[in-house]
Protein backbone atom coordinates (compact mmCIF):
# COMPACT_ATOMS: atom_id res chain seq x y z
CA UNK A 1 0.03 0.07 -0.03
CA UNK A 2 1.12 3.53 -0.57
CA UNK A 3 -0.06 7.10 -0.10
CA UNK A 4 0.57 10.20 -2.31
CA UNK A 5 0.28 13.71 -0.85
CA UNK A 6 1.01 17.01 -2.54
CA UNK A 7 2.64 19.38 -0.23
CA UNK A 8 3.63 23.15 -0.78
CA UNK A 9 7.19 22.29 -1.99
CA UNK A 10 7.09 18.55 -2.68
CA UNK A 11 5.25 15.49 -3.42
CA UNK A 12 5.33 12.92 -0.63
CA UNK A 13 4.91 9.20 -1.34
CA UNK A 14 4.80 6.91 1.61
CA UNK A 15 5.31 3.06 1.08
CA UNK A 16 3.64 0.88 3.72
CA UNK A 17 5.00 -2.71 4.21
CA UNK A 18 2.05 -5.06 4.31
CA UNK A 19 1.61 -8.72 4.55
CA UNK A 20 3.38 -11.35 6.49
CA UNK A 21 5.88 -10.37 9.09
CA UNK A 22 8.53 -9.35 9.85
CA UNK A 23 7.42 -6.03 8.47
CA UNK A 24 9.69 -3.06 7.89
CA UNK A 25 9.15 0.55 8.80
CA UNK A 26 7.32 2.88 6.24
CA UNK A 27 9.51 4.53 3.60
CA UNK A 28 8.79 8.21 2.81
CA UNK A 29 9.91 9.66 -0.56
CA UNK A 30 9.90 13.34 -0.91
CA UNK A 31 10.10 14.67 -4.57
CA UNK A 32 11.32 18.21 -4.62
CA UNK A 33 12.16 20.33 -7.73
CA UNK A 34 15.80 19.72 -7.48
CA UNK A 35 16.12 16.29 -5.71
CA UNK A 36 14.37 13.27 -4.17
CA UNK A 37 14.88 12.20 -0.48
CA UNK A 38 14.08 8.74 0.77
CA UNK A 39 13.59 8.36 4.58
CA UNK A 40 13.04 5.33 6.88
CA UNK A 41 12.94 5.08 10.70
CA UNK A 42 15.56 2.69 11.95
CA UNK A 43 14.32 1.23 15.32
CA UNK A 44 17.90 -0.09 16.09
CA UNK A 45 19.25 3.38 16.29
CA UNK A 46 15.83 5.23 17.09
CA UNK A 47 16.70 7.68 14.18
CA UNK A 48 15.34 8.40 10.79
CA UNK A 49 17.79 7.62 8.02
CA UNK A 50 17.71 9.82 5.00
CA UNK A 51 19.48 9.69 1.68
CA UNK A 52 19.20 12.34 -1.17
CA UNK A 53 19.14 11.55 -4.84
CA UNK A 54 19.54 13.82 -7.75
CA UNK A 55 17.05 13.30 -10.57
CA UNK A 56 19.79 11.80 -12.73
CA UNK A 57 20.46 9.25 -9.98
CA UNK A 58 16.77 8.48 -9.69
CA UNK A 59 16.54 7.88 -13.43
CA UNK A 60 19.63 5.62 -13.29
CA UNK A 61 18.06 3.59 -10.35
CA UNK A 62 14.78 3.15 -12.27
CA UNK A 63 16.68 1.87 -15.34
CA UNK A 64 18.90 -0.42 -13.18
CA UNK A 65 15.93 -2.32 -11.84
CA UNK A 66 15.35 -3.78 -15.24
CA UNK A 67 18.89 -4.50 -16.36
CA UNK A 68 21.27 -7.38 -15.81
CA UNK A 69 24.65 -7.05 -14.05
CA UNK A 70 27.15 -4.73 -15.76
CA UNK A 71 28.16 -1.02 -16.11
CA UNK A 72 25.83 1.35 -17.90
CA UNK A 73 25.51 5.02 -18.87
CA UNK A 74 22.13 6.18 -19.99
CA UNK A 75 22.01 8.48 -23.04
CA UNK A 76 19.32 11.16 -22.95
CA UNK A 77 16.47 10.72 -25.42
CA UNK A 78 16.31 13.85 -27.59
CA UNK A 79 12.43 13.53 -27.74
CA UNK A 80 11.91 13.65 -24.04
CA UNK A 81 12.20 16.54 -21.62
CA UNK A 82 15.56 16.92 -19.88
CA UNK A 83 13.97 17.74 -16.46
CA UNK A 84 11.76 14.93 -15.07
CA UNK A 85 10.52 17.32 -12.38
CA UNK A 86 9.06 19.70 -14.94
CA UNK A 87 5.95 17.60 -15.11
CA UNK A 88 5.80 17.87 -18.93
């Protein structure tokens, strides 16, 4: 299950772990104009861990999920917009 909320300066997606245990803490993704942050509470340290990805890194991650082992460089498609945050 997941939720989507539109805030003033970002879109927030929360991924909820469901099903058989053991379940993990919710993952919160904040999509800002310049970057994306991924946050998850770590009960072992009692802290929220956060990583920040550029849109280029996010694009590479999305592509990597469907590719076999190897080293890759994505080439921009001239027909698509350069800025994925533009909403075009």
